[in-house]
Each structure stands twice: as C-alpha cells, then as structure tokens.
Amino acid sequence: MTQSPRDARITLPGSARHEQQPRIFRMPDLPTPLSAERPTILVVEDEPGIADTIVYALSSDGFAPRVCTSAAEALAAFAAAPPALAVLDVGLPDMNGFELFRRLQDLPGGKSVPMVFLTARADEIDRVVGLELGADDYIAKPFSPRELVARVRTILRRTQRPPVASSTQKLPDVGVEIQSSAIKNEVIDSVHSGAFALDAERRLIRYHGQALELSRYEYGLLATLIGRPGRVFTRDELLERVWDDPGESFDRTVDAHVKTLRAKLRAVREDEDPIRTLRGVGYALREPD
C-alpha cells in the first residue's frame, strides 16, 4: 500500500529512521489561492522534499501554503502580505531561523502572526530558546505532517478566538475590579494593581505608565500574576492557565518566559523586581504597598 505524503514521516539524513531509507515524496507545484476561506501559511523551508510534503498536507486540509526557501524571500513575502501563521525552519542557508523570527516580529503586523519553529535540533536548550523568543510552538524533525497540521489548526483556533462578552466581578482578596476576558479559564478585562495597568481588550500591559512589548505567553503569564498580587502560582498552574497544551510544555518553559519578562520590566525600572520567585514552588507578583 503506497503511503501518502500526508501520512509520511519527515526524516533527515543521519537520524535513526534514515537507515530504513524512507521515501521522500516530491509533489508537483500546487496552486495556493489566497482567500479568506483558505488561511495563508508561510512555510520557510529550504529542503524541497520536506517543503513539498508540508505543502501537500496543508493544502489537503484547506490551507493556502506559500513556500519560501530563504530568509530574504520570507521577509519580502511577509512584508507584502502577512500570513495567518508562519512555519520557520531554524537551519536556513542565509539566516538563523531565530534571527528571522525577530525580524518578522519587527515588520508591520508581525507580532500578531503566530509562528512555529521547525528544526532538526531536538536539544531541550534549542526548544527553550525558541519558546523564550515567543514562538507558539516548536516541532523537531522527524515529524508527522498530520501532527504539524493539527498543531497549526490548534494555534489558529486559539489566536483567532472571538473576544469574550464583557461582565464584571470582584476579587475579594485584593479588591481589584476586573471585567471579562482572556486567560484560559479566568476572566480579566482591565486591572490596575500597583505599578501595573492591564487592558485585555487591547492585550496591553503598562508598567509605571510605559507599554510593554510582550509575546503572547509573556502577556498571559504577567496578566495571570497581576490578577492576584501576592498569590503564589506553581509552574504547573501557570502552564495550565496560559498554555493551551500544557502537556507539550515543561517547567523550564515557564522559567524562560519569566526570565524575559523580568528583563523587560527592569528595562523600565531597573531598581525594582516585582516578580517573586519561590524556589521549588513557583512565582508571585509582589503586593502593592
């Protein structure tokens, strides 16, 4: 029985699976109509066999993939028309995928486009670096095209979720008025706590009056802490509240994002550290004086 590209498993030379000489499917060029019904997925991959298989899998599931084989080509395509999501290979010929991520984020609309890293590097530190930058997911080769498509759908479903209707409630322990919104099972729309001001409708947090440039997960973590100053959140709790698939993440993911959060807060007020670390337990926001 011939295996379809959608079910094939991407394998790189040198991997254990390579000894079995798996078939690499080379597909003919496929049309990629750009329309509202078919979300555009920017695929930045320089290996033709892998790129063709990804294109086939995405196209079969109703997406409009656009392939770029270099970082320069990807930057130009992104600037011309930001996609619904981008899949970035880390090992590109002209630029490291992590640097490409930073440059795409700096383009107009870049911060609102979810991005996924695709790489042969399976080391935990590489995964942490990718997530620390603010990527939405990290997929190591070899991988299943079905799994890639499933993750793309999950990310788009999460990021394109309509806003929650507004309602008001009160947190009795801190006396903070909040309105509905946004962090998984909690509802927060606007919060003022000490030096922080959170506006969930705009996904904006100000610290000492200065707007913070935060990734999706940095925003979720900080918003969670702001909602309950003094309350200690374990790493598992933060994963459950902020990440949609906490089972795919790990404790160091939370630590990496808290580290980047602290750096951004210190850039505003170097003499303050509003996030408390309880070693072996988790994190809490210092209560306002």
Protein backbone atom coordinates (compact mmCIF):
# COMPACT_ATOMS: atom_id res chain seq x y z
CA MET A 1 0.00 0.00 0.00
CA THR A 2 1.52 3.32 -1.04
CA GLN A 3 1.87 5.84 1.76
CA SER A 4 0.51 9.29 1.06
CA PRO A 5 2.65 12.38 1.68
CA ARG A 6 0.16 13.49 4.30
CA ASP A 7 0.86 10.34 6.32
CA ALA A 8 4.59 10.22 5.62
CA ARG A 9 7.06 10.97 8.36
CA ILE A 10 9.73 13.56 7.60
CA THR A 11 13.18 12.04 8.13
CA LEU A 12 16.59 13.68 7.94
CA PRO A 13 19.89 12.08 6.91
CA GLY A 14 21.78 10.84 9.94
CA SER A 15 18.68 10.05 12.01
CA ALA A 16 17.89 6.54 13.21
CA ARG A 17 14.97 6.34 10.81
CA HIS A 18 17.19 7.18 7.86
CA GLU A 19 18.61 3.66 7.93
CA GLN A 20 15.21 2.40 6.80
CA GLN A 21 15.50 4.54 3.65
CA PRO A 22 12.07 6.17 3.91
CA ARG A 23 10.54 7.61 0.77
CA ILE A 24 10.66 11.35 0.32
CA PHE A 25 7.69 12.49 -1.72
CA ARG A 26 8.30 15.14 -4.34
CA MET A 27 4.99 16.70 -5.25
CA PRO A 28 4.26 18.82 -8.30
CA ASP A 29 3.75 22.53 -7.78
CA LEU A 30 0.36 23.14 -6.25
CA PRO A 31 -1.76 26.27 -6.65
CA THR A 32 -2.04 28.31 -3.48
CA PRO A 33 -5.04 30.59 -3.85
CA LEU A 34 -5.14 33.37 -1.29
CA SER A 35 -8.63 33.82 0.05
CA ALA A 36 -10.47 34.40 3.28
CA GLU A 37 -11.65 30.77 3.24
CA ARG A 38 -8.12 29.39 2.95
CA PRO A 39 -5.77 30.84 5.61
CA THR A 40 -2.33 31.53 4.17
CA ILE A 41 0.51 29.64 5.86
CA LEU A 42 4.02 30.89 5.16
CA VAL A 43 6.38 27.88 5.04
CA VAL A 44 10.07 28.81 5.21
CA GLU A 45 11.96 25.60 4.39
CA ASP A 46 14.96 25.12 2.10
CA GLU A 47 14.73 21.32 1.68
CA PRO A 48 12.44 20.66 -1.33
CA GLY A 49 11.29 17.21 -0.21
CA ILE A 50 10.19 18.45 3.19
CA ALA A 51 8.64 21.62 1.80
CA ASP A 52 6.61 19.67 -0.80
CA THR A 53 5.24 17.28 1.81
CA ILE A 54 4.23 20.15 4.11
CA VAL A 55 2.56 21.94 1.18
CA TYR A 56 0.61 18.79 0.28
CA ALA A 57 -0.54 18.24 3.89
CA LEU A 58 -1.59 21.86 4.41
CA SER A 59 -3.31 22.12 1.03
CA SER A 60 -5.23 18.90 1.67
CA ASP A 61 -6.56 20.36 4.91
CA GLY A 62 -7.84 23.60 3.44
CA PHE A 63 -4.87 25.92 3.89
CA ALA A 64 -3.07 28.02 1.28
CA PRO A 65 0.65 27.40 1.87
CA ARG A 66 3.26 29.71 0.39
CA VAL A 67 6.80 28.35 0.36
CA CYS A 68 9.96 30.43 0.71
CA THR A 69 13.38 28.79 0.58
CA SER A 70 15.37 31.59 2.21
CA ALA A 71 15.01 34.18 4.96
CA ALA A 72 15.29 37.04 2.46
CA GLU A 73 12.43 35.65 0.39
CA ALA A 74 10.35 35.11 3.55
CA LEU A 75 10.88 38.70 4.75
CA ALA A 76 9.74 40.07 1.39
CA ALA A 77 6.68 37.80 1.23
CA PHE A 78 5.71 38.58 4.82
CA ALA A 79 6.06 42.34 4.29
CA ALA A 80 3.90 42.17 1.16
CA ALA A 81 1.10 40.16 2.82
CA PRO A 82 1.34 38.89 6.42
CA PRO A 83 0.12 35.28 6.62
CA ALA A 84 -2.28 33.73 9.12
CA LEU A 85 0.66 31.70 10.52
CA ALA A 86 4.33 31.09 9.70
CA VAL A 87 6.33 27.85 9.90
CA LEU A 88 10.05 28.64 10.15
CA ASP A 89 12.91 26.21 9.64
CA VAL A 90 15.74 27.08 12.03
CA GLY A 91 18.54 25.95 9.69
CA LEU A 92 18.13 28.26 6.71
CA PRO A 93 21.01 28.94 4.28
CA ASP A 94 21.12 32.72 4.67
CA MET A 95 19.97 33.39 8.24
CA ASN A 96 19.37 31.57 11.52
CA GLY A 97 15.66 30.87 11.99
CA PHE A 98 15.69 32.56 15.41
CA GLU A 99 17.00 35.78 13.86
CA LEU A 100 14.40 35.53 11.10
CA PHE A 101 11.71 35.27 13.80
CA ARG A 102 12.96 38.52 15.39
CA ARG A 103 12.95 40.34 12.06
CA LEU A 104 9.49 39.12 11.15
CA GLN A 105 8.24 40.31 14.53
CA ASP A 106 9.57 43.78 13.73
CA LEU A 107 7.57 44.00 10.49
CA PRO A 108 4.13 45.66 10.50
CA GLY A 109 1.65 43.14 11.89
CA GLY A 110 4.45 40.73 12.78
CA LYS A 111 3.64 40.44 16.47
CA SER A 112 0.09 39.33 15.73
CA VAL A 113 1.15 36.43 13.47
CA PRO A 114 1.69 33.13 15.32
CA MET A 115 4.91 31.34 14.42
CA VAL A 116 6.14 27.77 14.72
CA PHE A 117 9.77 26.64 14.61
CA LEU A 118 10.61 23.56 12.54
CA THR A 119 14.07 22.13 13.09
CA ALA A 120 16.34 19.11 13.17
CA ARG A 121 17.64 20.26 16.54
CA ALA A 122 15.98 18.23 19.27
CA ASP A 123 18.06 19.58 22.17
CA GLU A 124 15.99 20.99 25.02
CA ILE A 125 18.03 24.21 25.10
CA ASP A 126 17.14 24.97 21.45
CA ARG A 127 13.49 24.42 22.21
CA VAL A 128 13.72 26.71 25.24
CA VAL A 129 15.39 29.42 23.13
CA GLY A 130 12.59 29.22 20.55
CA LEU A 131 9.85 29.41 23.17
CA GLU A 132 11.70 32.12 25.06
CA LEU A 133 11.63 34.28 21.94
CA GLY A 134 7.84 33.99 21.96
CA ALA A 135 7.20 31.27 19.37
CA ASP A 136 3.84 29.50 19.58
CA ASP A 137 5.24 26.01 19.08
CA TYR A 138 8.44 24.08 18.32
CA ILE A 139 8.42 20.92 16.22
CA ALA A 140 11.53 18.74 15.89
CA LYS A 141 12.28 16.61 12.82
CA PRO A 142 11.36 13.85 12.15
CA PHE A 143 7.70 14.78 12.48
CA SER A 144 4.34 13.68 11.15
CA PRO A 145 2.68 16.05 8.64
CA ARG A 146 -0.64 15.18 10.29
CA GLU A 147 0.73 16.38 13.62
CA LEU A 148 2.01 19.60 12.04
CA VAL A 149 -1.40 20.34 10.50
CA ALA A 150 -3.13 19.55 13.81
CA ARG A 151 -0.86 21.98 15.66
CA VAL A 152 -1.42 24.67 13.03
CA ARG A 153 -5.18 24.29 13.43
CA THR A 154 -4.93 24.43 17.23
CA ILE A 155 -2.83 27.60 17.18
CA LEU A 156 -5.11 29.35 14.68
CA ARG A 157 -8.20 28.34 16.63
CA ARG A 158 -6.66 29.83 19.77
CA THR A 159 -5.34 33.05 18.25
CA GLN A 160 -8.45 33.76 16.17
CA ARG A 161 -10.87 33.10 19.03
CA PRO A 162 -13.54 35.84 19.22
CA PRO A 163 -13.44 38.13 22.25
CA VAL A 164 -15.44 37.12 25.29
CA ALA A 165 -18.51 39.20 26.16
CA SER A 166 -17.89 41.65 28.96
CA SER A 167 -19.05 41.09 32.52
CA THR A 168 -17.88 42.41 35.86
CA GLN A 169 -16.73 40.64 39.00
CA LYS A 170 -14.59 41.43 42.02
CA LEU A 171 -11.64 39.65 43.54
CA PRO A 172 -12.40 39.77 47.26
CA ASP A 173 -8.86 39.12 48.47
CA VAL A 174 -7.28 42.08 46.66
CA GLY A 175 -10.29 44.30 45.94
CA VAL A 176 -9.40 44.64 42.25
CA GLU A 177 -12.25 45.32 39.83
CA ILE A 178 -11.96 43.15 36.74
CA GLN A 179 -14.07 42.60 33.66
CA SER A 180 -14.23 39.59 31.46
CA SER A 181 -11.63 38.24 29.20
CA ALA A 182 -8.76 36.17 28.47
CA ILE A 183 -6.56 33.86 30.35
CA LYS A 184 -7.92 30.45 29.68
CA ASN A 185 -10.45 29.80 32.45
CA GLU A 186 -10.18 33.23 34.08
CA VAL A 187 -11.84 36.46 33.04
CA ILE A 188 -9.87 39.65 33.10
CA ASP A 189 -10.50 42.73 31.05
CA SER A 190 -8.97 45.64 32.93
CA VAL A 191 -6.89 45.66 36.09
CA HIS A 192 -4.97 48.33 37.96
CA SER A 193 -2.63 46.92 40.55
CA GLY A 194 0.28 48.93 41.89
CA ALA A 195 2.57 49.95 39.04
CA PHE A 196 0.67 47.76 36.56
CA ALA A 197 -2.32 48.56 34.35
CA LEU A 198 -3.79 45.78 32.21
CA ASP A 199 -6.09 46.36 29.23
CA ALA A 200 -7.15 42.93 27.92
CA GLU A 201 -9.21 44.27 25.02
CA ARG A 202 -6.01 45.71 23.57
CA ARG A 203 -3.83 42.94 25.06
CA LEU A 204 -1.72 45.69 26.58
CA ILE A 205 0.05 45.92 29.92
CA ARG A 206 1.62 49.13 31.17
CA TYR A 207 4.30 49.23 33.84
CA HIS A 208 4.86 52.61 35.51
CA GLY A 209 2.88 54.07 32.62
CA GLN A 210 5.06 52.52 29.90
CA ALA A 211 3.55 50.00 27.47
CA LEU A 212 5.38 46.65 27.47
CA GLU A 213 6.20 44.78 24.26
CA LEU A 214 5.26 41.24 25.25
CA SER A 215 4.97 37.93 23.45
CA ARG A 216 1.70 36.01 23.72
CA TYR A 217 2.89 33.84 26.60
CA GLU A 218 4.67 36.66 28.42
CA TYR A 219 1.40 38.57 28.34
CA GLY A 220 -0.55 35.57 29.65
CA LEU A 221 1.89 34.96 32.49
CA LEU A 222 2.05 38.58 33.60
CA ALA A 223 -1.72 39.06 33.32
CA THR A 224 -2.24 35.97 35.49
CA LEU A 225 0.11 37.30 38.17
CA ILE A 226 -1.41 40.80 38.03
CA GLY A 227 -4.89 39.36 38.60
CA ARG A 228 -3.87 38.02 42.02
CA PRO A 229 -0.99 40.00 43.58
CA GLY A 230 0.68 38.01 46.35
CA ARG A 231 -0.90 34.75 45.25
CA VAL A 232 1.72 32.08 44.57
CA PHE A 233 1.22 30.21 41.29
CA THR A 234 3.08 26.94 40.82
CA ARG A 235 4.71 26.27 37.47
CA ASP A 236 2.09 23.62 36.72
CA GLU A 237 -0.70 26.12 37.44
CA LEU A 238 0.85 28.67 35.12
CA LEU A 239 1.21 26.08 32.37
CA GLU A 240 -2.44 25.11 32.79
CA ARG A 241 -3.68 28.72 32.79
CA VAL A 242 -1.56 30.18 29.99
CA TRP A 243 -0.62 27.34 27.61
CA ASP A 244 -3.35 25.63 25.58
CA ASP A 245 -1.47 22.34 25.52
CA PRO A 246 0.43 22.24 28.82
CA GLY A 247 1.28 18.58 28.31
CA GLU A 248 3.58 19.61 25.44
CA SER A 249 5.42 22.12 27.64
CA PHE A 250 7.68 21.79 30.66
CA ASP A 251 8.78 23.69 33.77
CA ARG A 252 11.72 25.36 32.05
CA THR A 253 9.32 26.91 29.55
CA VAL A 254 7.76 28.93 32.38
CA ASP A 255 11.18 29.83 33.81
CA ALA A 256 12.42 31.01 30.39
CA HIS A 257 9.41 33.29 29.89
CA VAL A 258 9.67 34.71 33.41
CA LYS A 259 13.33 35.47 32.72
CA THR A 260 12.48 37.51 29.61
CA LEU A 261 9.61 39.21 31.49
CA ARG A 262 11.99 40.32 34.24
CA ALA A 263 14.41 41.73 31.66
CA LYS A 264 11.63 43.81 30.10
CA LEU A 265 10.44 45.07 33.49
CA ARG A 266 13.98 46.02 34.52
CA ALA A 267 14.36 47.97 31.29
CA VAL A 268 11.58 50.22 32.58
CA ARG A 269 12.58 50.32 36.27
CA GLU A 270 15.99 48.81 36.96
CA ASP A 271 15.75 49.06 40.75
CA GLU A 272 12.54 47.01 41.01
CA ASP A 273 11.79 43.30 40.70
CA PRO A 274 8.00 42.91 41.03
CA ILE A 275 8.02 39.14 40.40
CA ARG A 276 8.89 36.95 43.38
CA THR A 277 10.49 33.54 42.89
CA LEU A 278 9.66 30.84 45.40
CA ARG A 279 12.30 28.25 44.66
CA GLY A 280 10.90 24.82 44.03
CA VAL A 281 7.35 26.21 44.06
CA GLY A 282 6.61 28.96 41.53
CA TYR A 283 6.07 32.70 41.13
CA ALA A 284 4.02 35.54 42.56
CA LEU A 285 3.60 39.26 41.95
CA ARG A 286 4.66 41.40 44.87
CA GLU A 287 1.69 43.04 46.53
CA PRO A 288 1.50 46.82 46.16
CA ASP A 289 2.47 48.80 49.26
